[in-house]
C-alpha atoms as a PDB file:
ATOM      1  CA  MET A   1       0.000   0.000   0.000  1.00  0.00           C
ATOM      2  CA  GLY A   2       3.035   2.247  -0.212  1.00  0.00           C
ATOM      3  CA  ARG A   3       2.266   3.316  -3.759  1.00  0.00           C
ATOM      4  CA  LYS A   4       0.709   6.735  -4.349  1.00  0.00           C
ATOM      5  CA  PHE A   5      -1.718   7.118  -7.203  1.00  0.00           C
ATOM      6  CA  ILE A   6      -1.593  10.244  -9.337  1.00  0.00           C
ATOM      7  CA  PRO A   7      -5.139  10.655 -10.659  1.00  0.00           C
ATOM      8  CA  ALA A   8      -6.223  12.509 -13.768  1.00  0.00           C
ATOM      9  CA  SER A   9      -9.014  15.085 -13.500  1.00  0.00           C
ATOM     10  CA  ASP A  10     -11.697  12.543 -14.417  1.00  0.00           C
ATOM     11  CA  SER A  11     -10.347   9.693 -12.271  1.00  0.00           C
ATOM     12  CA  VAL A  12     -12.650   8.040  -9.744  1.00  0.00           C
ATOM     13  CA  VAL A  13     -12.003   6.194  -6.500  1.00  0.00           C
ATOM     14  CA  VAL A  14     -14.563   3.456  -5.845  1.00  0.00           C
ATOM     15  CA  ILE A  15     -14.793   2.204  -2.285  1.00  0.00           C
ATOM     16  CA  GLY A  16     -16.492  -1.153  -1.801  1.00  0.00           C
ATOM     17  CA  LEU A  17     -16.176  -3.682  -4.615  1.00  0.00           C
ATOM     18  CA  GLY A  18     -19.241  -5.811  -4.068  1.00  0.00           C
ATOM     19  CA  ARG A  19     -21.741  -6.395  -6.854  1.00  0.00           C
ATOM     20  CA  PHE A  20     -22.776  -2.747  -7.152  1.00  0.00           C
ATOM     21  CA  GLY A  21     -19.321  -1.232  -6.604  1.00  0.00           C
ATOM     22  CA  SER A  22     -17.588  -3.573  -9.027  1.00  0.00           C
ATOM     23  CA  ALA A  23     -20.245  -2.861 -11.681  1.00  0.00           C
ATOM     24  CA  VAL A  24     -19.697   0.896 -11.257  1.00  0.00           C
ATOM     25  CA  ALA A  25     -15.912   0.503 -11.344  1.00  0.00           C
ATOM     26  CA  LYS A  26     -15.964  -1.720 -14.448  1.00  0.00           C
ATOM     27  CA  SER A  27     -18.341   0.614 -16.275  1.00  0.00           C
ATOM     28  CA  LEU A  28     -16.183   3.642 -15.487  1.00  0.00           C
ATOM     29  CA  ALA A  29     -13.096   1.794 -16.710  1.00  0.00           C
ATOM     30  CA  GLN A  30     -14.872   0.812 -19.946  1.00  0.00           C
ATOM     31  CA  LEU A  31     -15.767   4.475 -20.454  1.00  0.00           C
ATOM     32  CA  GLY A  32     -12.067   5.299 -20.352  1.00  0.00           C
ATOM     33  CA  HIS A  33     -11.744   6.657 -16.809  1.00  0.00           C
ATOM     34  CA  GLU A  34      -8.878   5.730 -14.523  1.00  0.00           C
ATOM     35  CA  VAL A  35     -10.343   3.952 -11.505  1.00  0.00           C
ATOM     36  CA  LEU A  36      -8.844   3.202  -8.119  1.00  0.00           C
ATOM     37  CA  GLY A  37     -10.846   0.406  -6.512  1.00  0.00           C
ATOM     38  CA  ILE A  38     -10.537  -0.215  -2.765  1.00  0.00           C
ATOM     39  CA  ASP A  39     -12.016  -3.004  -0.653  1.00  0.00           C
ATOM     40  CA  GLU A  40     -11.185  -4.748   2.605  1.00  0.00           C
ATOM     41  CA  SER A  41     -11.686  -8.162   0.991  1.00  0.00           C
ATOM     42  CA  ALA A  42      -8.545  -9.681  -0.519  1.00  0.00           C
ATOM     43  CA  GLU A  43     -10.737 -11.970  -2.596  1.00  0.00           C
ATOM     44  CA  ARG A  44     -12.625  -9.091  -4.228  1.00  0.00           C
ATOM     45  CA  VAL A  45      -9.392  -7.218  -4.875  1.00  0.00           C
ATOM     46  CA  GLN A  46      -7.907 -10.293  -6.524  1.00  0.00           C
ATOM     47  CA  GLU A  47     -10.993 -10.753  -8.735  1.00  0.00           C
ATOM     48  CA  LEU A  48     -10.671  -7.215 -10.109  1.00  0.00           C
ATOM     49  CA  SER A  49      -6.881  -7.045 -10.307  1.00  0.00           C
ATOM     50  CA  GLY A  50      -6.910  -7.893 -13.994  1.00  0.00           C
ATOM     51  CA  VAL A  51      -9.857  -5.599 -14.780  1.00  0.00           C
ATOM     52  CA  LEU A  52      -9.032  -2.308 -13.050  1.00  0.00           C
ATOM     53  CA  THR A  53      -5.736  -0.496 -13.467  1.00  0.00           C
ATOM     54  CA  ASN A  54      -5.463   0.131  -9.734  1.00  0.00           C
ATOM     55  CA  VAL A  55      -7.093  -2.009  -7.056  1.00  0.00           C
ATOM     56  CA  VAL A  56      -6.056  -2.112  -3.399  1.00  0.00           C
ATOM     57  CA  GLN A  57      -6.994  -3.966  -0.233  1.00  0.00           C
ATOM     58  CA  ALA A  58      -7.397  -1.407   2.550  1.00  0.00           C
ATOM     59  CA  ASN A  59      -9.560  -0.177   5.408  1.00  0.00           C
ATOM     60  CA  THR A  60     -11.429   2.773   3.897  1.00  0.00           C
ATOM     61  CA  THR A  61     -12.810   4.045   7.209  1.00  0.00           C
ATOM     62  CA  ASN A  62      -9.312   5.235   8.156  1.00  0.00           C
ATOM     63  CA  VAL A  63      -8.548   8.727   6.892  1.00  0.00           C
ATOM     64  CA  GLU A  64      -4.795   8.249   7.094  1.00  0.00           C
ATOM     65  CA  THR A  65      -4.970   5.058   5.032  1.00  0.00           C
ATOM     66  CA  LEU A  66      -6.839   6.913   2.292  1.00  0.00           C
ATOM     67  CA  ARG A  67      -4.422   9.829   2.542  1.00  0.00           C
ATOM     68  CA  GLN A  68      -1.496   7.460   1.956  1.00  0.00           C
ATOM     69  CA  LEU A  69      -3.244   6.227  -1.189  1.00  0.00           C
ATOM     70  CA  ASN A  70      -3.503   9.850  -2.388  1.00  0.00           C
ATOM     71  CA  VAL A  71      -7.302   9.670  -2.403  1.00  0.00           C
ATOM     72  CA  ALA A  72      -7.417  13.381  -1.495  1.00  0.00           C
ATOM     73  CA  GLU A  73      -6.278  14.149  -5.048  1.00  0.00           C
ATOM     74  CA  PHE A  74      -9.286  12.456  -6.666  1.00  0.00           C
ATOM     75  CA  GLN A  75     -12.110  14.660  -7.927  1.00  0.00           C
ATOM     76  CA  HIS A  76     -14.749  11.941  -7.685  1.00  0.00           C
ATOM     77  CA  GLY A  77     -15.411   9.313  -5.047  1.00  0.00           C
ATOM     78  CA  VAL A  78     -18.020   6.547  -4.920  1.00  0.00           C
ATOM     79  CA  VAL A  79     -18.802   4.754  -1.664  1.00  0.00           C
ATOM     80  CA  ALA A  80     -20.558   1.579  -2.774  1.00  0.00           C
ATOM     81  CA  ILE A  81     -20.811  -0.107   0.637  1.00  0.00           C
ATOM     82  CA  GLY A  82     -24.392  -1.002   1.447  1.00  0.00           C
ATOM     83  CA  SER A  83     -24.567  -3.833   3.959  1.00  0.00           C
ATOM     84  CA  ASP A  84     -22.249  -2.337   6.602  1.00  0.00           C
ATOM     85  CA  LEU A  85     -23.817   0.995   7.576  1.00  0.00           C
ATOM     86  CA  GLU A  86     -20.957   1.987   9.884  1.00  0.00           C
ATOM     87  CA  SER A  87     -18.271   1.394   7.233  1.00  0.00           C
ATOM     88  CA  SER A  88     -20.395   3.201   4.658  1.00  0.00           C
ATOM     89  CA  VAL A  89     -20.819   6.301   6.820  1.00  0.00           C
ATOM     90  CA  LEU A  90     -17.206   6.364   8.040  1.00  0.00           C
ATOM     91  CA  SER A  91     -15.895   5.997   4.480  1.00  0.00           C
ATOM     92  CA  VAL A  92     -18.016   8.945   3.318  1.00  0.00           C
ATOM     93  CA  LEU A  93     -16.802  10.932   6.318  1.00  0.00           C
ATOM     94  CA  ALA A  94     -13.193  10.075   5.450  1.00  0.00           C
ATOM     95  CA  LEU A  95     -13.629  11.268   1.848  1.00  0.00           C
ATOM     96  CA  SER A  96     -15.269  14.430   3.125  1.00  0.00           C
ATOM     97  CA  GLU A  97     -12.438  15.107   5.560  1.00  0.00           C
ATOM     98  CA  LEU A  98      -9.951  14.659   2.725  1.00  0.00           C
ATOM     99  CA  GLY A  99     -11.839  17.263   0.709  1.00  0.00           C
ATOM    100  CA  VAL A 100     -12.920  15.075  -2.213  1.00  0.00           C
ATOM    101  CA  PRO A 101     -15.203  17.526  -4.070  1.00  0.00           C
ATOM    102  CA  ASP A 102     -17.697  15.081  -5.597  1.00  0.00           C
ATOM    103  CA  ILE A 103     -18.832  12.218  -3.353  1.00  0.00           C
ATOM    104  CA  TRP A 104     -21.426   9.642  -4.399  1.00  0.00           C
ATOM    105  CA  ALA A 105     -22.733   7.076  -1.950  1.00  0.00           C
ATOM    106  CA  LYS A 106     -24.992   4.037  -2.065  1.00  0.00           C
ATOM    107  CA  ALA A 107     -27.820   3.864   0.474  1.00  0.00           C
ATOM    108  CA  VAL A 108     -30.170   0.996   1.254  1.00  0.00           C
ATOM    109  CA  THR A 109     -32.769   2.938   3.275  1.00  0.00           C
ATOM    110  CA  ASP A 110     -33.990   6.521   3.579  1.00  0.00           C
ATOM    111  CA  ARG A 111     -32.413   6.796   7.032  1.00  0.00           C
ATOM    112  CA  HIS A 112     -29.104   5.526   5.694  1.00  0.00           C
ATOM    113  CA  GLY A 113     -29.293   8.087   2.877  1.00  0.00           C
ATOM    114  CA  LYS A 114     -30.017  10.990   5.256  1.00  0.00           C
ATOM    115  CA  ILE A 115     -27.035  10.034   7.422  1.00  0.00           C
ATOM    116  CA  LEU A 116     -24.779   9.877   4.348  1.00  0.00           C
ATOM    117  CA  GLU A 117     -25.921  13.336   3.244  1.00  0.00           C
ATOM    118  CA  ARG A 118     -25.222  14.798   6.673  1.00  0.00           C
ATOM    119  CA  THR A 119     -21.845  13.058   6.736  1.00  0.00           C
ATOM    120  CA  GLY A 120     -20.704  14.651   3.484  1.00  0.00           C
ATOM    121  CA  ALA A 121     -22.146  12.790   0.488  1.00  0.00           C
ATOM    122  CA  HIS A 122     -23.083  15.141  -2.344  1.00  0.00           C
ATOM    123  CA  HIS A 123     -25.168  12.518  -4.149  1.00  0.00           C
ATOM    124  CA  VAL A 124     -26.991   9.539  -2.633  1.00  0.00           C
ATOM    125  CA  VAL A 125     -28.247   6.720  -4.841  1.00  0.00           C
ATOM    126  CA  TYR A 126     -30.668   3.926  -3.992  1.00  0.00           C
ATOM    127  CA  PRO A 127     -29.871   1.156  -6.518  1.00  0.00           C
ATOM    128  CA  GLU A 128     -32.453  -1.322  -5.237  1.00  0.00           C
ATOM    129  CA  VAL A 129     -35.262   1.253  -5.221  1.00  0.00           C
ATOM    130  CA  THR A 130     -34.302   2.625  -8.634  1.00  0.00           C
ATOM    131  CA  MET A 131     -34.136  -0.839 -10.173  1.00  0.00           C
ATOM    132  CA  GLY A 132     -37.427  -1.792  -8.535  1.00  0.00           C
ATOM    133  CA  GLU A 133     -39.181   1.232 -10.027  1.00  0.00           C
ATOM    134  CA  ARG A 134     -37.628   0.558 -13.404  1.00  0.00           C
ATOM    135  CA  VAL A 135     -38.770  -3.064 -13.453  1.00  0.00           C
ATOM    136  CA  ALA A 136     -42.271  -1.998 -12.371  1.00  0.00           C
ATOM    137  CA  HIS A 137     -42.498   0.283 -15.391  1.00  0.00           C
ATOM    138  CA  LEU A 138     -41.330  -2.467 -17.715  1.00  0.00           C
ATOM    139  CA  VAL A 139     -43.736  -5.046 -16.273  1.00  0.00           C
ATOM    140  CA  THR A 140     -46.881  -2.951 -16.030  1.00  0.00           C
ATOM    141  CA  SER A 141     -46.681  -0.820 -19.175  1.00  0.00           C
ATOM    142  CA  LYS A 142     -45.659  -0.937 -22.798  1.00  0.00           C
ATOM    143  CA  ILE A 143     -42.394   0.823 -22.053  1.00  0.00           C
ATOM    144  CA  ILE A 144     -39.385  -1.164 -23.274  1.00  0.00           C
ATOM    145  CA  ASP A 145     -36.865   0.688 -21.130  1.00  0.00           C
ATOM    146  CA  PHE A 146     -37.180   3.497 -18.621  1.00  0.00           C
ATOM    147  CA  ILE A 147     -34.839   5.788 -16.672  1.00  0.00           C
ATOM    148  CA  GLU A 148     -36.143   8.361 -14.179  1.00  0.00           C
ATOM    149  CA  PHE A 149     -33.989  11.215 -12.872  1.00  0.00           C
ATOM    150  CA  ASP A 150     -34.267  13.020  -9.533  1.00  0.00           C
ATOM    151  CA  ASP A 151     -36.018  16.136 -10.846  1.00  0.00           C
ATOM    152  CA  ASP A 152     -39.188  14.426 -12.185  1.00  0.00           C
ATOM    153  CA  PHE A 153     -37.640  13.922 -15.613  1.00  0.00           C
ATOM    154  CA  ALA A 154     -37.591  10.628 -17.476  1.00  0.00           C
ATOM    155  CA  ILE A 155     -36.343   9.027 -20.677  1.00  0.00           C
ATOM    156  CA  ALA A 156     -38.092   5.981 -22.104  1.00  0.00           C
ATOM    157  CA  LYS A 157     -37.833   3.669 -25.080  1.00  0.00           C
ATOM    158  CA  THR A 158     -41.270   2.737 -26.388  1.00  0.00           C
ATOM    159  CA  ARG A 159     -43.127   1.725 -29.522  1.00  0.00           C
ATOM    160  CA  ALA A 160     -44.829   4.464 -31.476  1.00  0.00           C
ATOM    161  CA  PRO A 161     -48.517   5.048 -30.586  1.00  0.00           C
ATOM    162  CA  VAL A 162     -50.995   4.590 -33.435  1.00  0.00           C
ATOM    163  CA  ASP A 163     -51.977   8.271 -33.570  1.00  0.00           C
ATOM    164  CA  VAL A 164     -48.440   9.377 -34.541  1.00  0.00           C
ATOM    165  CA  LEU A 165     -47.824   6.771 -37.254  1.00  0.00           C
ATOM    166  CA  ASN A 166     -47.102   7.976 -40.790  1.00  0.00           C
ATOM    167  CA  LYS A 167     -46.873  11.564 -39.608  1.00  0.00           C
ATOM    168  CA  SER A 168     -43.897  13.848 -39.194  1.00  0.00           C
ATOM    169  CA  LEU A 169     -42.972  14.880 -35.659  1.00  0.00           C
ATOM    170  CA  ALA A 170     -44.015  18.426 -36.569  1.00  0.00           C
ATOM    171  CA  GLU A 171     -47.460  17.229 -37.667  1.00  0.00           C
ATOM    172  CA  SER A 172     -47.948  15.173 -34.504  1.00  0.00           C
ATOM    173  CA  GLU A 173     -47.227  18.216 -32.293  1.00  0.00           C
ATOM    174  CA  LEU A 174     -46.109  15.887 -29.534  1.00  0.00           C
ATOM    175  CA  ARG A 175     -44.646  18.632 -27.397  1.00  0.00           C
ATOM    176  CA  ARG A 176     -47.954  20.508 -27.375  1.00  0.00           C
ATOM    177  CA  VAL A 177     -50.237  17.472 -27.060  1.00  0.00           C
ATOM    178  CA  TYR A 178     -48.194  15.261 -24.714  1.00  0.00           C
ATOM    179  CA  ASN A 179     -45.528  17.650 -23.379  1.00  0.00           C
ATOM    180  CA  VAL A 180     -42.778  15.224 -24.437  1.00  0.00           C
ATOM    181  CA  THR A 181     -39.879  15.398 -26.857  1.00  0.00           C
ATOM    182  CA  ILE A 182     -38.895  12.643 -29.286  1.00  0.00           C
ATOM    183  CA  VAL A 183     -35.136  12.491 -28.907  1.00  0.00           C
ATOM    184  CA  GLY A 184     -34.658   9.860 -31.595  1.00  0.00           C
ATOM    185  CA  VAL A 185     -36.142   7.113 -33.731  1.00  0.00           C
ATOM    186  CA  LYS A 186     -34.804   3.585 -34.238  1.00  0.00           C
ATOM    187  CA  ARG A 187     -36.213   1.795 -37.265  1.00  0.00           C
ATOM    188  CA  PRO A 188     -35.674  -1.978 -37.670  1.00  0.00           C
ATOM    189  CA  GLY A 189     -32.596  -2.612 -39.817  1.00  0.00           C
ATOM    190  CA  GLU A 190     -31.571   1.060 -39.837  1.00  0.00           C
ATOM    191  CA  ASP A 191     -29.284   3.268 -37.756  1.00  0.00           C
ATOM    192  CA  PHE A 192     -30.607   5.390 -34.899  1.00  0.00           C
ATOM    193  CA  THR A 193     -31.589   8.896 -36.054  1.00  0.00           C
ATOM    194  CA  TYR A 194     -32.207  12.000 -33.974  1.00  0.00           C
ATOM    195  CA  GLY A 195     -35.771  13.298 -33.973  1.00  0.00           C
ATOM    196  CA  ARG A 196     -36.293  16.287 -36.273  1.00  0.00           C
ATOM    197  CA  PRO A 197     -39.498  18.106 -37.239  1.00  0.00           C
ATOM    198  CA  GLU A 198     -39.482  16.385 -40.642  1.00  0.00           C
ATOM    199  CA  THR A 199     -38.892  12.871 -39.222  1.00  0.00           C
ATOM    200  CA  ILE A 200     -41.727  10.506 -40.228  1.00  0.00           C
ATOM    201  CA  VAL A 201     -42.766   7.874 -37.663  1.00  0.00           C
ATOM    202  CA  ARG A 202     -43.463   4.491 -39.291  1.00  0.00           C
ATOM    203  CA  PRO A 203     -45.084   1.308 -37.906  1.00  0.00           C
ATOM    204  CA  GLY A 204     -42.512  -0.709 -35.965  1.00  0.00           C
ATOM    205  CA  ASP A 205     -40.403   2.310 -35.054  1.00  0.00           C
ATOM    206  CA  LEU A 206     -38.983   2.573 -31.547  1.00  0.00           C
ATOM    207  CA  LEU A 207     -39.046   6.057 -30.058  1.00  0.00           C
ATOM    208  CA  ILE A 208     -36.725   7.548 -27.457  1.00  0.00           C
ATOM    209  CA  VAL A 209     -38.980   9.907 -25.498  1.00  0.00           C
ATOM    210  CA  ALA A 210     -37.962  12.504 -22.900  1.00  0.00           C
ATOM    211  CA  GLY A 211     -39.978  14.777 -20.647  1.00  0.00           C
ATOM    212  CA  PRO A 212     -41.744  15.013 -17.275  1.00  0.00           C
ATOM    213  CA  THR A 213     -42.138  11.520 -15.811  1.00  0.00           C
ATOM    214  CA  ARG A 214     -45.952  11.397 -15.796  1.00  0.00           C
ATOM    215  CA  GLN A 215     -46.175  12.717 -19.359  1.00  0.00           C
ATOM    216  CA  VAL A 216     -43.643  10.166 -20.593  1.00  0.00           C
ATOM    217  CA  GLU A 217     -45.618   7.401 -18.879  1.00  0.00           C
ATOM    218  CA  ALA A 218     -48.887   8.651 -20.385  1.00  0.00           C
ATOM    219  CA  PHE A 219     -47.412   8.827 -23.892  1.00  0.00           C
ATOM    220  CA  ALA A 220     -45.840   5.392 -23.654  1.00  0.00           C
ATOM    221  CA  GLY A 221     -49.117   3.958 -22.347  1.00  0.00           C
ATOM    222  CA  LYS A 222     -50.773   4.793 -25.657  1.00  0.00           C
ATOM    223  CA  SER A 223     -48.370   2.645 -27.685  1.00  0.00           C
END
């Protein structure tokens, strides 16, 4: 653990390499970011040693340990510990004390999330809740995929409703009628195209729709 890591401006330290943390770390690495993964489990560290550029076994609740790893120089930190509330909170506190400017933390309950916010987390995510809501949308509606953001904004992939078929997006006046925007259209066998006023919606087209959550749900429900 004597090595100091010199992070780039978009580098991320991920603390806790369980299922959620390792998925975040791998995705960041695939996107081209340098990732420092830290976990107390030697087994988890070994599993990711060939995947992440930097992975270390260490106690992340200890500020001095993180300081030795140069974590204070990272712009982004993710605390992905969920099952051990004490370790989760102390790790967030350690990042906060080191002055990491952008701290994300996983929470499993509302109370856990409130504690993390008060401890220094700038963003709290609830993976289980978010996934549960997403699956509910997919099961109970005609939405093919759905992502909801914190500020009542959503993006969905859905089939085109009958009343917009064989019309241009300008003719359908979707923004006025449904208060949604068609970001793009994916036609079978063709490349994705961005939605333009002159874009014609054909039977079988998949639409990428964005707008207020309830309006997106209402539009997708007509498909």
